[in-house]
Amino acid sequence: TLMGYELIFNNKMILIGYRNSFFYAVIGTFLSVMMTVMSAYALTKKELVGRKLLTFFFLFTMLFGGGLIPTYMVVRAVGFIDTIWALLVPNCVAVFHIFVAVTFFRTGVSQEILEAAEIDGCGHIQTLFRVAVPLSKPIIAVLSLFCAVAVWNTYFDALIYIRSRSLYPLQLVLRDI
């Protein structure tokens, strides 16, 4: 019978969990893709002062993570405990995604087109949003998929940082059922 579905969907926490998970996935994906694309574009610019040092710092954080306790201390120190930002900001940038996007910008976007846009008077930000981003739709789609799945499946971070049941994503609602 369909009585199980009726019981589940009569539980208002299921709908709240779906709403929260959808919100976290959409906003988290948007923030993550935006930050990743902007970082990757900046790292492809040869005139960026300290580019190699920045790349080293990104690579270093990819290889050696701080772990749960330092991350929790930072999230608590900035006041994100029991807020939506605790699930969105700490995982906003994935270094692996930055390196994937850098590789795409170096190989998939013609440097001549970017130089032509700069000669025509575009600044770096205009070149990024008017030329590079429209040419980068494939990598943006891939990054969006990666980020959306990662944010949707965020169970452990929500378990650690979220206390209010009204902010629970679907995974924690299902755990409580």
C-alpha atoms as a PDB file:
ATOM      1  CA  THR A   1       0.000   0.000   0.000  1.00  0.00           C
ATOM      2  CA  LEU A   2       0.951   3.639  -0.143  1.00  0.00           C
ATOM      3  CA  MET A   3       0.323   4.154   3.584  1.00  0.00           C
ATOM      4  CA  GLY A   4       4.068   4.439   4.281  1.00  0.00           C
ATOM      5  CA  TYR A   5       4.377   7.363   1.879  1.00  0.00           C
ATOM      6  CA  GLU A   6       1.313   8.980   3.422  1.00  0.00           C
ATOM      7  CA  LEU A   7       2.820   8.713   6.904  1.00  0.00           C
ATOM      8  CA  ILE A   8       6.168  10.117   5.784  1.00  0.00           C
ATOM      9  CA  PHE A   9       4.754  13.073   3.873  1.00  0.00           C
ATOM     10  CA  ASN A  10       2.372  13.942   6.695  1.00  0.00           C
ATOM     11  CA  ASN A  11       5.449  14.490   8.855  1.00  0.00           C
ATOM     12  CA  LYS A  12       6.218  18.194   8.429  1.00  0.00           C
ATOM     13  CA  MET A  13       9.900  17.663   9.287  1.00  0.00           C
ATOM     14  CA  ILE A  14      10.354  15.736   6.016  1.00  0.00           C
ATOM     15  CA  LEU A  15       9.234  18.769   4.026  1.00  0.00           C
ATOM     16  CA  ILE A  16      11.440  21.051   6.145  1.00  0.00           C
ATOM     17  CA  GLY A  17      14.368  18.696   5.544  1.00  0.00           C
ATOM     18  CA  TYR A  18      13.768  18.700   1.797  1.00  0.00           C
ATOM     19  CA  ARG A  19      13.452  22.487   1.779  1.00  0.00           C
ATOM     20  CA  ASN A  20      16.663  22.929   3.769  1.00  0.00           C
ATOM     21  CA  SER A  21      18.612  20.401   1.707  1.00  0.00           C
ATOM     22  CA  PHE A  22      17.434  22.019  -1.512  1.00  0.00           C
ATOM     23  CA  PHE A  23      18.379  25.465  -0.189  1.00  0.00           C
ATOM     24  CA  TYR A  24      21.817  24.279   0.951  1.00  0.00           C
ATOM     25  CA  ALA A  25      22.415  22.536  -2.377  1.00  0.00           C
ATOM     26  CA  VAL A  26      21.418  25.498  -4.541  1.00  0.00           C
ATOM     27  CA  ILE A  27      23.139  28.243  -2.548  1.00  0.00           C
ATOM     28  CA  GLY A  28      26.173  26.083  -1.721  1.00  0.00           C
ATOM     29  CA  THR A  29      26.616  25.084  -5.355  1.00  0.00           C
ATOM     30  CA  PHE A  30      26.326  28.674  -6.539  1.00  0.00           C
ATOM     31  CA  LEU A  31      28.862  29.946  -3.990  1.00  0.00           C
ATOM     32  CA  SER A  32      31.252  27.088  -4.607  1.00  0.00           C
ATOM     33  CA  VAL A  33      31.202  27.341  -8.391  1.00  0.00           C
ATOM     34  CA  MET A  34      31.531  31.123  -8.268  1.00  0.00           C
ATOM     35  CA  MET A  35      34.512  31.006  -5.899  1.00  0.00           C
ATOM     36  CA  THR A  36      36.133  28.149  -7.813  1.00  0.00           C
ATOM     37  CA  VAL A  37      35.835  29.821 -11.218  1.00  0.00           C
ATOM     38  CA  MET A  38      37.140  33.152  -9.947  1.00  0.00           C
ATOM     39  CA  SER A  39      40.073  31.506  -8.152  1.00  0.00           C
ATOM     40  CA  ALA A  40      40.961  29.341 -11.127  1.00  0.00           C
ATOM     41  CA  TYR A  41      40.795  32.270 -13.532  1.00  0.00           C
ATOM     42  CA  ALA A  42      43.096  34.318 -11.306  1.00  0.00           C
ATOM     43  CA  LEU A  43      45.589  31.453 -11.055  1.00  0.00           C
ATOM     44  CA  THR A  44      45.842  31.247 -14.850  1.00  0.00           C
ATOM     45  CA  LYS A  45      47.037  34.851 -15.115  1.00  0.00           C
ATOM     46  CA  LYS A  46      50.817  34.962 -15.506  1.00  0.00           C
ATOM     47  CA  GLU A  47      50.982  38.551 -14.264  1.00  0.00           C
ATOM     48  CA  LEU A  48      49.440  37.607 -10.899  1.00  0.00           C
ATOM     49  CA  VAL A  49      52.049  38.424  -8.273  1.00  0.00           C
ATOM     50  CA  GLY A  50      52.713  35.397  -6.076  1.00  0.00           C
ATOM     51  CA  ARG A  51      50.844  32.995  -8.347  1.00  0.00           C
ATOM     52  CA  LYS A  52      53.244  30.127  -7.663  1.00  0.00           C
ATOM     53  CA  LEU A  53      53.079  30.743  -3.922  1.00  0.00           C
ATOM     54  CA  LEU A  54      49.264  30.796  -3.990  1.00  0.00           C
ATOM     55  CA  THR A  55      49.235  27.592  -6.011  1.00  0.00           C
ATOM     56  CA  PHE A  56      51.559  26.019  -3.449  1.00  0.00           C
ATOM     57  CA  PHE A  57      49.263  27.083  -0.584  1.00  0.00           C
ATOM     58  CA  PHE A  58      46.232  25.637  -2.373  1.00  0.00           C
ATOM     59  CA  LEU A  59      48.093  22.395  -3.052  1.00  0.00           C
ATOM     60  CA  PHE A  60      49.350  22.219   0.531  1.00  0.00           C
ATOM     61  CA  THR A  61      45.820  22.479   1.940  1.00  0.00           C
ATOM     62  CA  MET A  62      44.702  19.769  -0.435  1.00  0.00           C
ATOM     63  CA  LEU A  63      47.381  17.398   0.816  1.00  0.00           C
ATOM     64  CA  PHE A  64      47.323  18.283   4.515  1.00  0.00           C
ATOM     65  CA  GLY A  65      43.901  19.137   5.935  1.00  0.00           C
ATOM     66  CA  GLY A  66      43.474  20.606   9.395  1.00  0.00           C
ATOM     67  CA  GLY A  67      40.957  18.044  10.562  1.00  0.00           C
ATOM     68  CA  LEU A  68      37.712  18.245  12.460  1.00  0.00           C
ATOM     69  CA  ILE A  69      38.797  19.968  15.678  1.00  0.00           C
ATOM     70  CA  PRO A  70      40.556  23.004  14.125  1.00  0.00           C
ATOM     71  CA  THR A  71      37.721  23.405  11.632  1.00  0.00           C
ATOM     72  CA  TYR A  72      35.150  23.266  14.430  1.00  0.00           C
ATOM     73  CA  MET A  73      37.108  25.852  16.409  1.00  0.00           C
ATOM     74  CA  VAL A  74      37.174  28.220  13.427  1.00  0.00           C
ATOM     75  CA  VAL A  75      33.457  27.735  12.710  1.00  0.00           C
ATOM     76  CA  ARG A  76      32.671  28.385  16.368  1.00  0.00           C
ATOM     77  CA  ALA A  77      34.997  31.414  16.547  1.00  0.00           C
ATOM     78  CA  VAL A  78      33.292  33.158  13.630  1.00  0.00           C
ATOM     79  CA  GLY A  79      29.849  32.429  15.096  1.00  0.00           C
ATOM     80  CA  PHE A  80      28.572  30.009  12.496  1.00  0.00           C
ATOM     81  CA  ILE A  81      27.459  27.243  14.892  1.00  0.00           C
ATOM     82  CA  ASP A  82      23.754  26.527  14.378  1.00  0.00           C
ATOM     83  CA  THR A  83      23.470  28.753  11.308  1.00  0.00           C
ATOM     84  CA  ILE A  84      23.094  27.990   7.623  1.00  0.00           C
ATOM     85  CA  TRP A  85      26.576  29.398   7.048  1.00  0.00           C
ATOM     86  CA  ALA A  86      28.142  26.494   8.962  1.00  0.00           C
ATOM     87  CA  LEU A  87      27.217  24.213   6.073  1.00  0.00           C
ATOM     88  CA  LEU A  88      27.917  26.661   3.251  1.00  0.00           C
ATOM     89  CA  VAL A  89      31.126  28.574   4.023  1.00  0.00           C
ATOM     90  CA  PRO A  90      33.624  25.932   5.277  1.00  0.00           C
ATOM     91  CA  ASN A  91      33.141  23.777   2.178  1.00  0.00           C
ATOM     92  CA  CYS A  92      32.760  26.676  -0.230  1.00  0.00           C
ATOM     93  CA  VAL A  93      35.988  25.974  -2.104  1.00  0.00           C
ATOM     94  CA  ALA A  94      37.354  22.563  -3.007  1.00  0.00           C
ATOM     95  CA  VAL A  95      40.979  22.773  -4.076  1.00  0.00           C
ATOM     96  CA  PHE A  96      40.621  19.820  -6.423  1.00  0.00           C
ATOM     97  CA  HIS A  97      37.876  21.696  -8.261  1.00  0.00           C
ATOM     98  CA  ILE A  98      40.133  24.743  -8.562  1.00  0.00           C
ATOM     99  CA  PHE A  99      42.859  22.667 -10.212  1.00  0.00           C
ATOM    100  CA  VAL A 100      40.323  21.082 -12.576  1.00  0.00           C
ATOM    101  CA  ALA A 101      39.081  24.555 -13.543  1.00  0.00           C
ATOM    102  CA  VAL A 102      42.648  25.897 -13.931  1.00  0.00           C
ATOM    103  CA  THR A 103      43.409  23.046 -16.293  1.00  0.00           C
ATOM    104  CA  PHE A 104      40.277  23.842 -18.288  1.00  0.00           C
ATOM    105  CA  PHE A 105      41.081  27.561 -18.487  1.00  0.00           C
ATOM    106  CA  ARG A 106      44.607  26.800 -19.684  1.00  0.00           C
ATOM    107  CA  THR A 107      43.590  24.257 -22.299  1.00  0.00           C
ATOM    108  CA  GLY A 108      39.953  24.945 -23.179  1.00  0.00           C
ATOM    109  CA  VAL A 109      39.847  28.732 -23.333  1.00  0.00           C
ATOM    110  CA  SER A 110      41.958  30.385 -26.002  1.00  0.00           C
ATOM    111  CA  GLN A 111      44.382  32.875 -24.475  1.00  0.00           C
ATOM    112  CA  GLU A 112      44.188  34.908 -27.674  1.00  0.00           C
ATOM    113  CA  ILE A 113      40.484  35.572 -27.102  1.00  0.00           C
ATOM    114  CA  LEU A 114      41.180  36.713 -23.550  1.00  0.00           C
ATOM    115  CA  GLU A 115      44.005  38.964 -24.762  1.00  0.00           C
ATOM    116  CA  ALA A 116      41.734  40.392 -27.479  1.00  0.00           C
ATOM    117  CA  ALA A 117      39.116  41.244 -24.853  1.00  0.00           C
ATOM    118  CA  GLU A 118      41.735  43.029 -22.778  1.00  0.00           C
ATOM    119  CA  ILE A 119      42.995  44.936 -25.842  1.00  0.00           C
ATOM    120  CA  ASP A 120      39.388  45.974 -26.543  1.00  0.00           C
ATOM    121  CA  GLY A 121      39.259  47.572 -23.099  1.00  0.00           C
ATOM    122  CA  CYS A 122      37.903  44.867 -20.821  1.00  0.00           C
ATOM    123  CA  GLY A 123      39.393  44.634 -17.366  1.00  0.00           C
ATOM    124  CA  HIS A 124      40.074  41.313 -15.700  1.00  0.00           C
ATOM    125  CA  ILE A 125      36.601  41.070 -14.171  1.00  0.00           C
ATOM    126  CA  GLN A 126      34.851  41.976 -17.427  1.00  0.00           C
ATOM    127  CA  THR A 127      37.029  39.491 -19.305  1.00  0.00           C
ATOM    128  CA  LEU A 128      36.153  36.805 -16.790  1.00  0.00           C
ATOM    129  CA  PHE A 129      32.390  37.334 -16.859  1.00  0.00           C
ATOM    130  CA  ARG A 130      31.909  38.404 -20.492  1.00  0.00           C
ATOM    131  CA  VAL A 131      34.382  36.099 -22.240  1.00  0.00           C
ATOM    132  CA  ALA A 132      35.783  33.323 -20.040  1.00  0.00           C
ATOM    133  CA  VAL A 133      32.591  32.266 -18.244  1.00  0.00           C
ATOM    134  CA  PRO A 134      30.480  31.929 -21.435  1.00  0.00           C
ATOM    135  CA  LEU A 135      33.255  29.810 -22.952  1.00  0.00           C
ATOM    136  CA  SER A 136      33.453  27.729 -19.761  1.00  0.00           C
ATOM    137  CA  LYS A 137      29.944  26.329 -19.676  1.00  0.00           C
ATOM    138  CA  PRO A 138      31.152  22.700 -19.808  1.00  0.00           C
ATOM    139  CA  ILE A 139      33.424  23.032 -16.772  1.00  0.00           C
ATOM    140  CA  ILE A 140      30.798  25.048 -14.914  1.00  0.00           C
ATOM    141  CA  ALA A 141      28.295  22.240 -15.507  1.00  0.00           C
ATOM    142  CA  VAL A 142      30.769  19.652 -14.212  1.00  0.00           C
ATOM    143  CA  LEU A 143      31.663  21.744 -11.169  1.00  0.00           C
ATOM    144  CA  SER A 144      27.983  22.368 -10.468  1.00  0.00           C
ATOM    145  CA  LEU A 145      27.275  18.654 -10.511  1.00  0.00           C
ATOM    146  CA  PHE A 146      30.239  17.875  -8.236  1.00  0.00           C
ATOM    147  CA  CYS A 147      29.283  20.611  -5.782  1.00  0.00           C
ATOM    148  CA  ALA A 148      25.557  19.898  -5.762  1.00  0.00           C
ATOM    149  CA  VAL A 149      26.099  16.229  -4.962  1.00  0.00           C
ATOM    150  CA  ALA A 150      28.660  17.062  -2.285  1.00  0.00           C
ATOM    151  CA  VAL A 151      26.445  19.656  -0.594  1.00  0.00           C
ATOM    152  CA  TRP A 152      23.321  17.499  -0.840  1.00  0.00           C
ATOM    153  CA  ASN A 153      25.150  14.608   0.827  1.00  0.00           C
ATOM    154  CA  THR A 154      26.578  16.709   3.654  1.00  0.00           C
ATOM    155  CA  TYR A 155      25.582  14.662   6.654  1.00  0.00           C
ATOM    156  CA  PHE A 156      28.509  14.839   9.037  1.00  0.00           C
ATOM    157  CA  ASP A 157      28.963  18.619   8.902  1.00  0.00           C
ATOM    158  CA  ALA A 158      25.274  19.113   9.655  1.00  0.00           C
ATOM    159  CA  LEU A 159      25.516  16.622  12.506  1.00  0.00           C
ATOM    160  CA  ILE A 160      28.420  18.553  14.031  1.00  0.00           C
ATOM    161  CA  TYR A 161      27.384  22.172  13.448  1.00  0.00           C
ATOM    162  CA  ILE A 162      23.558  22.289  13.401  1.00  0.00           C
ATOM    163  CA  ARG A 163      21.536  22.095  16.615  1.00  0.00           C
ATOM    164  CA  SER A 164      18.156  23.583  15.595  1.00  0.00           C
ATOM    165  CA  ARG A 165      15.761  21.092  14.094  1.00  0.00           C
ATOM    166  CA  SER A 166      14.415  23.829  11.808  1.00  0.00           C
ATOM    167  CA  LEU A 167      17.833  23.951  10.059  1.00  0.00           C
ATOM    168  CA  TYR A 168      18.267  20.172   9.692  1.00  0.00           C
ATOM    169  CA  PRO A 169      18.906  18.916   6.175  1.00  0.00           C
ATOM    170  CA  LEU A 170      16.978  15.868   4.994  1.00  0.00           C
ATOM    171  CA  GLN A 171      19.684  13.460   6.126  1.00  0.00           C
ATOM    172  CA  LEU A 172      19.377  14.485   9.781  1.00  0.00           C
ATOM    173  CA  VAL A 173      15.591  14.444   9.615  1.00  0.00           C
ATOM    174  CA  LEU A 174      15.702  10.869   8.307  1.00  0.00           C
ATOM    175  CA  ARG A 175      18.183   9.927  11.025  1.00  0.00           C
ATOM    176  CA  ASP A 176      15.789  11.218  13.694  1.00  0.00           C
ATOM    177  CA  ILE A 177      12.856   9.293  12.213  1.00  0.00           C
END
